[in-house]
Amino acid sequence: MFTGIIEDLGKVVELGKAEEFGVPESAGARLRVRCATVMSDLTEGASIAVNGVCLTAVDLRADSFGADLAPETLRRSNLGDLHVGASVNLERPLTAGGRLNGHIVQGHVDGTGEFLSLEELGDDNWWLRIRVPAELDRYVVFKGSIAIDGISLTVAAIEHCVVSVTIIPHTYRNTTLGGYQPGARVNLECDVLAKHVEKLMQR
């Protein structure tokens, strides 16, 4: 489990078809990320969230880790859109007894949204607008939580499948949000509690 509090910004140093790295083709693709903070206690086989996607760290080196991307991961997330040199948000799993500073994030991306705009509000605060797929709109509520590329954010407004959130200076400086262009895909994970409630109500 994750919290949506980004710990580190990584840099993609390799991304290619799995067979190029000696990995079975069924794995989809292989990603390598250079980073610092999260490497301090990362172990082979441990989970790590990359842009909000829970991956398994493999082939650890002094300053980087690898991860295999399954076809489903490539289809449902924006990890297949990455390129060498791209920045990614990184978070290690929550430890037992740790503080849940954001919200419950599983690293199971529900789909991708469209980055529409990031407008400056003043004092290094920003107004972010994301178009969410119609099938996810019902899980997004005013003042509720949503993970966008792994970042725990609070919904400030929602209208016609467009979600708006306020980005504070710390989040702007320590995540990938400042580098997106309109039309870019971002990973979305809705509050898992909303999905459980929906299923219970249907029964």
C-alpha atoms as a PDB file:
ATOM      1  CA  MET A   1       0.000   0.000   0.000  1.00  0.00           C
ATOM      2  CA  PHE A   2       1.105   3.544  -0.766  1.00  0.00           C
ATOM      3  CA  THR A   3       0.000   6.986   0.403  1.00  0.00           C
ATOM      4  CA  GLY A   4       0.476   9.209  -2.645  1.00  0.00           C
ATOM      5  CA  ILE A   5       3.250  11.210  -0.958  1.00  0.00           C
ATOM      6  CA  ILE A   6       6.051  11.344  -3.533  1.00  0.00           C
ATOM      7  CA  GLU A   7       9.477  10.603  -2.061  1.00  0.00           C
ATOM      8  CA  ASP A   8      11.769  10.982  -5.044  1.00  0.00           C
ATOM      9  CA  LEU A   9      11.934  12.037  -8.682  1.00  0.00           C
ATOM     10  CA  GLY A  10      13.548   9.396 -10.853  1.00  0.00           C
ATOM     11  CA  LYS A  11      14.944   9.592 -14.367  1.00  0.00           C
ATOM     12  CA  VAL A  12      14.230   6.982 -17.036  1.00  0.00           C
ATOM     13  CA  VAL A  13      17.565   5.697 -18.335  1.00  0.00           C
ATOM     14  CA  GLU A  14      16.341   2.648 -20.297  1.00  0.00           C
ATOM     15  CA  LEU A  15      13.007   1.641 -21.787  1.00  0.00           C
ATOM     16  CA  GLY A  16      12.507  -1.018 -24.383  1.00  0.00           C
ATOM     17  CA  LYS A  17      10.824  -4.239 -25.363  1.00  0.00           C
ATOM     18  CA  ALA A  18      11.388  -6.959 -22.822  1.00  0.00           C
ATOM     19  CA  GLU A  19      13.303  -9.243 -25.191  1.00  0.00           C
ATOM     20  CA  GLU A  20      15.951  -6.541 -25.636  1.00  0.00           C
ATOM     21  CA  PHE A  21      16.899  -7.096 -21.990  1.00  0.00           C
ATOM     22  CA  GLY A  22      16.800 -10.876 -22.078  1.00  0.00           C
ATOM     23  CA  VAL A  23      13.355 -10.951 -20.480  1.00  0.00           C
ATOM     24  CA  PRO A  24      10.567 -13.128 -21.962  1.00  0.00           C
ATOM     25  CA  GLU A  25       8.428 -11.237 -24.465  1.00  0.00           C
ATOM     26  CA  SER A  26       5.344 -11.934 -22.371  1.00  0.00           C
ATOM     27  CA  ALA A  27       6.703  -9.435 -19.823  1.00  0.00           C
ATOM     28  CA  GLY A  28       5.878  -6.605 -22.243  1.00  0.00           C
ATOM     29  CA  ALA A  29       8.691  -4.134 -21.607  1.00  0.00           C
ATOM     30  CA  ARG A  30      11.583  -3.389 -19.273  1.00  0.00           C
ATOM     31  CA  LEU A  31      12.084  -0.033 -17.567  1.00  0.00           C
ATOM     32  CA  ARG A  32      15.156   1.249 -15.718  1.00  0.00           C
ATOM     33  CA  VAL A  33      14.995   4.280 -13.442  1.00  0.00           C
ATOM     34  CA  ARG A  34      17.916   6.199 -11.940  1.00  0.00           C
ATOM     35  CA  CYS A  35      17.168   7.661  -8.510  1.00  0.00           C
ATOM     36  CA  ALA A  36      18.673   8.325  -5.097  1.00  0.00           C
ATOM     37  CA  THR A  37      16.376   8.492  -2.074  1.00  0.00           C
ATOM     38  CA  VAL A  38      14.365   5.325  -2.664  1.00  0.00           C
ATOM     39  CA  MET A  39      17.509   3.263  -3.300  1.00  0.00           C
ATOM     40  CA  SER A  40      18.537   3.537   0.358  1.00  0.00           C
ATOM     41  CA  ASP A  41      16.581   0.440   1.399  1.00  0.00           C
ATOM     42  CA  LEU A  42      15.175  -0.935  -1.847  1.00  0.00           C
ATOM     43  CA  THR A  43      15.558  -4.706  -2.140  1.00  0.00           C
ATOM     44  CA  GLU A  44      15.220  -7.160  -5.011  1.00  0.00           C
ATOM     45  CA  GLY A  45      11.564  -8.024  -5.493  1.00  0.00           C
ATOM     46  CA  ALA A  46      10.249  -5.110  -3.436  1.00  0.00           C
ATOM     47  CA  SER A  47       7.284  -3.036  -4.575  1.00  0.00           C
ATOM     48  CA  ILE A  48       7.743   0.532  -5.733  1.00  0.00           C
ATOM     49  CA  ALA A  49       5.241   2.966  -7.219  1.00  0.00           C
ATOM     50  CA  VAL A  50       6.357   4.591 -10.482  1.00  0.00           C
ATOM     51  CA  ASN A  51       3.941   7.341 -11.553  1.00  0.00           C
ATOM     52  CA  GLY A  52       1.438   5.646  -9.286  1.00  0.00           C
ATOM     53  CA  VAL A  53       1.858   2.169 -10.781  1.00  0.00           C
ATOM     54  CA  CYS A  54       2.926  -0.560  -8.369  1.00  0.00           C
ATOM     55  CA  LEU A  55       5.931  -2.324  -9.918  1.00  0.00           C
ATOM     56  CA  THR A  56       8.422  -4.916  -8.716  1.00  0.00           C
ATOM     57  CA  ALA A  57      12.023  -3.726  -8.448  1.00  0.00           C
ATOM     58  CA  VAL A  58      14.548  -6.041 -10.135  1.00  0.00           C
ATOM     59  CA  ASP A  59      18.155  -5.916 -11.306  1.00  0.00           C
ATOM     60  CA  LEU A  60      19.200  -3.428  -8.620  1.00  0.00           C
ATOM     61  CA  ARG A  61      22.322  -1.347  -9.184  1.00  0.00           C
ATOM     62  CA  ALA A  62      24.004   1.312  -7.074  1.00  0.00           C
ATOM     63  CA  ASP A  63      21.938   4.159  -8.510  1.00  0.00           C
ATOM     64  CA  SER A  64      19.026   2.540 -10.337  1.00  0.00           C
ATOM     65  CA  PHE A  65      16.472  -0.249 -10.467  1.00  0.00           C
ATOM     66  CA  GLY A  66      14.742  -2.129 -13.241  1.00  0.00           C
ATOM     67  CA  ALA A  67      11.087  -3.151 -13.532  1.00  0.00           C
ATOM     68  CA  ASP A  68       9.146  -5.333 -15.949  1.00  0.00           C
ATOM     69  CA  LEU A  69       6.012  -3.801 -17.482  1.00  0.00           C
ATOM     70  CA  ALA A  70       3.249  -6.275 -18.258  1.00  0.00           C
ATOM     71  CA  PRO A  71       1.074  -5.726 -21.357  1.00  0.00           C
ATOM     72  CA  GLU A  72      -1.837  -4.801 -19.057  1.00  0.00           C
ATOM     73  CA  THR A  73       0.334  -2.166 -17.362  1.00  0.00           C
ATOM     74  CA  LEU A  74       1.307  -0.682 -20.707  1.00  0.00           C
ATOM     75  CA  ARG A  75      -2.317  -0.626 -21.832  1.00  0.00           C
ATOM     76  CA  ARG A  76      -3.831   0.892 -18.709  1.00  0.00           C
ATOM     77  CA  SER A  77      -1.119   3.390 -17.693  1.00  0.00           C
ATOM     78  CA  ASN A  78       1.132   6.034 -19.206  1.00  0.00           C
ATOM     79  CA  LEU A  79       4.352   4.098 -18.576  1.00  0.00           C
ATOM     80  CA  GLY A  80       4.506   3.076 -22.229  1.00  0.00           C
ATOM     81  CA  ASP A  81       4.536   6.783 -23.164  1.00  0.00           C
ATOM     82  CA  LEU A  82       7.777   7.387 -21.277  1.00  0.00           C
ATOM     83  CA  HIS A  83      11.098   8.014 -23.000  1.00  0.00           C
ATOM     84  CA  VAL A  84      14.725   8.041 -21.921  1.00  0.00           C
ATOM     85  CA  GLY A  85      15.294  11.188 -19.890  1.00  0.00           C
ATOM     86  CA  ALA A  86      11.687  11.464 -18.675  1.00  0.00           C
ATOM     87  CA  SER A  87      11.080  12.161 -14.978  1.00  0.00           C
ATOM     88  CA  VAL A  88       8.858   9.863 -12.913  1.00  0.00           C
ATOM     89  CA  ASN A  89       7.297  10.079  -9.457  1.00  0.00           C
ATOM     90  CA  LEU A  90       8.547   7.442  -7.007  1.00  0.00           C
ATOM     91  CA  GLU A  91       7.202   6.178  -3.700  1.00  0.00           C
ATOM     92  CA  ARG A  92       8.094   3.197  -1.545  1.00  0.00           C
ATOM     93  CA  PRO A  93       5.326   1.219   0.204  1.00  0.00           C
ATOM     94  CA  LEU A  94       4.020   2.403   3.554  1.00  0.00           C
ATOM     95  CA  THR A  95       5.768   0.699   6.467  1.00  0.00           C
ATOM     96  CA  ALA A  96       3.849  -0.761   9.403  1.00  0.00           C
ATOM     97  CA  GLY A  97       3.378   2.010  11.936  1.00  0.00           C
ATOM     98  CA  GLY A  98       4.102   4.713   9.369  1.00  0.00           C
ATOM     99  CA  ARG A  99       1.964   7.838   9.050  1.00  0.00           C
ATOM    100  CA  LEU A 100      -0.744   7.794   6.392  1.00  0.00           C
ATOM    101  CA  ASN A 101      -0.134  11.363   5.222  1.00  0.00           C
ATOM    102  CA  GLY A 102      -1.990  11.144   1.903  1.00  0.00           C
ATOM    103  CA  HIS A 103      -4.719   8.557   1.345  1.00  0.00           C
ATOM    104  CA  ILE A 104      -4.913   4.829   0.646  1.00  0.00           C
ATOM    105  CA  VAL A 105      -3.276   4.260  -2.741  1.00  0.00           C
ATOM    106  CA  GLN A 106      -2.908   0.708  -4.020  1.00  0.00           C
ATOM    107  CA  GLY A 107      -0.816   1.384  -7.096  1.00  0.00           C
ATOM    108  CA  HIS A 108      -3.540  -0.238  -9.226  1.00  0.00           C
ATOM    109  CA  VAL A 109      -4.228   2.358 -11.903  1.00  0.00           C
ATOM    110  CA  ASP A 110      -7.872   2.571 -13.034  1.00  0.00           C
ATOM    111  CA  GLY A 111      -7.076   4.344 -16.298  1.00  0.00           C
ATOM    112  CA  THR A 112      -5.519   7.457 -17.748  1.00  0.00           C
ATOM    113  CA  GLY A 113      -6.779  11.015 -17.898  1.00  0.00           C
ATOM    114  CA  GLU A 114      -5.887  13.894 -20.204  1.00  0.00           C
ATOM    115  CA  PHE A 115      -3.746  16.734 -18.882  1.00  0.00           C
ATOM    116  CA  LEU A 116      -5.579  19.916 -19.872  1.00  0.00           C
ATOM    117  CA  SER A 117      -3.810  22.790 -18.146  1.00  0.00           C
ATOM    118  CA  LEU A 118      -1.755  23.973 -15.188  1.00  0.00           C
ATOM    119  CA  GLU A 119      -2.451  27.641 -14.490  1.00  0.00           C
ATOM    120  CA  GLU A 120      -0.485  29.739 -12.029  1.00  0.00           C
ATOM    121  CA  LEU A 121      -2.553  31.199  -9.186  1.00  0.00           C
ATOM    122  CA  GLY A 122       0.242  33.228  -7.607  1.00  0.00           C
ATOM    123  CA  ASP A 123       2.832  32.560  -4.889  1.00  0.00           C
ATOM    124  CA  ASP A 124       3.836  29.385  -6.753  1.00  0.00           C
ATOM    125  CA  ASN A 125       0.381  27.811  -6.331  1.00  0.00           C
ATOM    126  CA  TRP A 126      -1.224  26.233  -9.384  1.00  0.00           C
ATOM    127  CA  TRP A 127      -4.640  25.124 -10.673  1.00  0.00           C
ATOM    128  CA  LEU A 128      -4.481  21.720 -12.399  1.00  0.00           C
ATOM    129  CA  ARG A 129      -7.246  20.488 -14.731  1.00  0.00           C
ATOM    130  CA  ILE A 130      -7.507  16.855 -15.839  1.00  0.00           C
ATOM    131  CA  ARG A 131     -10.181  15.257 -18.038  1.00  0.00           C
ATOM    132  CA  VAL A 132     -11.140  11.887 -16.598  1.00  0.00           C
ATOM    133  CA  PRO A 133     -12.770   9.021 -18.542  1.00  0.00           C
ATOM    134  CA  ALA A 134     -16.556   8.941 -18.236  1.00  0.00           C
ATOM    135  CA  GLU A 135     -16.444   5.501 -16.608  1.00  0.00           C
ATOM    136  CA  LEU A 136     -14.333   6.883 -13.723  1.00  0.00           C
ATOM    137  CA  ASP A 137     -16.271  10.106 -13.212  1.00  0.00           C
ATOM    138  CA  ARG A 138     -18.713   8.480 -10.775  1.00  0.00           C
ATOM    139  CA  TYR A 139     -15.874   7.659  -8.355  1.00  0.00           C
ATOM    140  CA  VAL A 140     -14.627  11.248  -8.131  1.00  0.00           C
ATOM    141  CA  VAL A 141     -16.309  13.556  -5.614  1.00  0.00           C
ATOM    142  CA  PHE A 142     -15.815  17.135  -4.446  1.00  0.00           C
ATOM    143  CA  LYS A 143     -13.207  17.230  -1.647  1.00  0.00           C
ATOM    144  CA  GLY A 144     -12.506  13.543  -2.182  1.00  0.00           C
ATOM    145  CA  SER A 145      -9.100  12.032  -2.852  1.00  0.00           C
ATOM    146  CA  ILE A 146      -7.625  11.033  -6.189  1.00  0.00           C
ATOM    147  CA  ALA A 147      -4.140   9.861  -7.171  1.00  0.00           C
ATOM    148  CA  ILE A 148      -2.782  11.534 -10.314  1.00  0.00           C
ATOM    149  CA  ASP A 149       0.486   9.949 -11.466  1.00  0.00           C
ATOM    150  CA  GLY A 150       0.801   8.622  -7.944  1.00  0.00           C
ATOM    151  CA  ILE A 151       0.306  11.996  -6.231  1.00  0.00           C
ATOM    152  CA  SER A 152      -2.362  12.152  -3.542  1.00  0.00           C
ATOM    153  CA  LEU A 153      -4.530  15.172  -4.344  1.00  0.00           C
ATOM    154  CA  THR A 154      -7.829  16.625  -3.139  1.00  0.00           C
ATOM    155  CA  VAL A 155     -10.552  17.338  -5.684  1.00  0.00           C
ATOM    156  CA  ALA A 156     -11.303  21.068  -5.617  1.00  0.00           C
ATOM    157  CA  ALA A 157     -13.873  21.033  -8.430  1.00  0.00           C
ATOM    158  CA  ILE A 158     -15.418  18.602 -10.890  1.00  0.00           C
ATOM    159  CA  GLU A 159     -17.634  19.431 -13.839  1.00  0.00           C
ATOM    160  CA  HIS A 160     -18.424  17.429 -16.979  1.00  0.00           C
ATOM    161  CA  CYS A 161     -15.627  14.902 -16.368  1.00  0.00           C
ATOM    162  CA  VAL A 162     -13.029  17.618 -15.762  1.00  0.00           C
ATOM    163  CA  VAL A 163     -11.358  17.403 -12.353  1.00  0.00           C
ATOM    164  CA  SER A 164      -9.549  20.410 -10.903  1.00  0.00           C
ATOM    165  CA  VAL A 165      -7.095  20.361  -8.001  1.00  0.00           C
ATOM    166  CA  THR A 166      -4.877  22.961  -6.367  1.00  0.00           C
ATOM    167  CA  ILE A 167      -1.143  22.273  -6.509  1.00  0.00           C
ATOM    168  CA  ILE A 168       0.863  23.781  -3.649  1.00  0.00           C
ATOM    169  CA  PRO A 169       4.495  24.921  -4.081  1.00  0.00           C
ATOM    170  CA  HIS A 170       6.011  21.793  -2.484  1.00  0.00           C
ATOM    171  CA  THR A 171       4.051  19.463  -4.775  1.00  0.00           C
ATOM    172  CA  TYR A 172       4.896  21.540  -7.845  1.00  0.00           C
ATOM    173  CA  ARG A 173       8.627  21.498  -7.058  1.00  0.00           C
ATOM    174  CA  ASN A 174       8.888  17.824  -6.077  1.00  0.00           C
ATOM    175  CA  THR A 175       6.768  16.022  -8.671  1.00  0.00           C
ATOM    176  CA  THR A 176       6.544  15.727 -12.449  1.00  0.00           C
ATOM    177  CA  LEU A 177       3.474  17.972 -12.826  1.00  0.00           C
ATOM    178  CA  GLY A 178       5.387  21.034 -14.006  1.00  0.00           C
ATOM    179  CA  GLY A 179       6.726  19.201 -17.049  1.00  0.00           C
ATOM    180  CA  TYR A 180       3.499  18.118 -18.746  1.00  0.00           C
ATOM    181  CA  GLN A 181       2.062  19.516 -21.950  1.00  0.00           C
ATOM    182  CA  PRO A 182      -1.667  19.648 -22.812  1.00  0.00           C
ATOM    183  CA  GLY A 183      -2.845  16.296 -24.133  1.00  0.00           C
ATOM    184  CA  ALA A 184      -0.406  14.237 -22.066  1.00  0.00           C
ATOM    185  CA  ARG A 185      -1.772  11.097 -20.418  1.00  0.00           C
ATOM    186  CA  VAL A 186      -1.689  10.879 -16.620  1.00  0.00           C
ATOM    187  CA  ASN A 187      -2.386   7.832 -14.480  1.00  0.00           C
ATOM    188  CA  LEU A 188      -5.528   7.912 -12.357  1.00  0.00           C
ATOM    189  CA  GLU A 189      -6.404   5.834  -9.321  1.00  0.00           C
ATOM    190  CA  CYS A 190      -9.765   6.532  -7.728  1.00  0.00           C
ATOM    191  CA  ASP A 191     -10.576   5.991  -4.072  1.00  0.00           C
ATOM    192  CA  VAL A 192     -10.930   2.222  -3.605  1.00  0.00           C
ATOM    193  CA  LEU A 193     -13.606   2.769  -0.934  1.00  0.00           C
ATOM    194  CA  ALA A 194     -15.937   4.285  -3.547  1.00  0.00           C
ATOM    195  CA  LYS A 195     -15.658   1.160  -5.702  1.00  0.00           C
ATOM    196  CA  HIS A 196     -16.412  -1.156  -2.769  1.00  0.00           C
ATOM    197  CA  VAL A 197     -19.442   0.923  -1.766  1.00  0.00           C
ATOM    198  CA  GLU A 198     -20.745   0.860  -5.347  1.00  0.00           C
ATOM    199  CA  LYS A 199     -20.555  -2.937  -5.517  1.00  0.00           C
ATOM    200  CA  LEU A 200     -22.254  -3.358  -2.138  1.00  0.00           C
ATOM    201  CA  MET A 201     -25.052  -1.015  -3.140  1.00  0.00           C
ATOM    202  CA  GLN A 202     -25.603  -2.934  -6.393  1.00  0.00           C
ATOM    203  CA  ARG A 203     -26.175  -6.090  -4.388  1.00  0.00           C
END
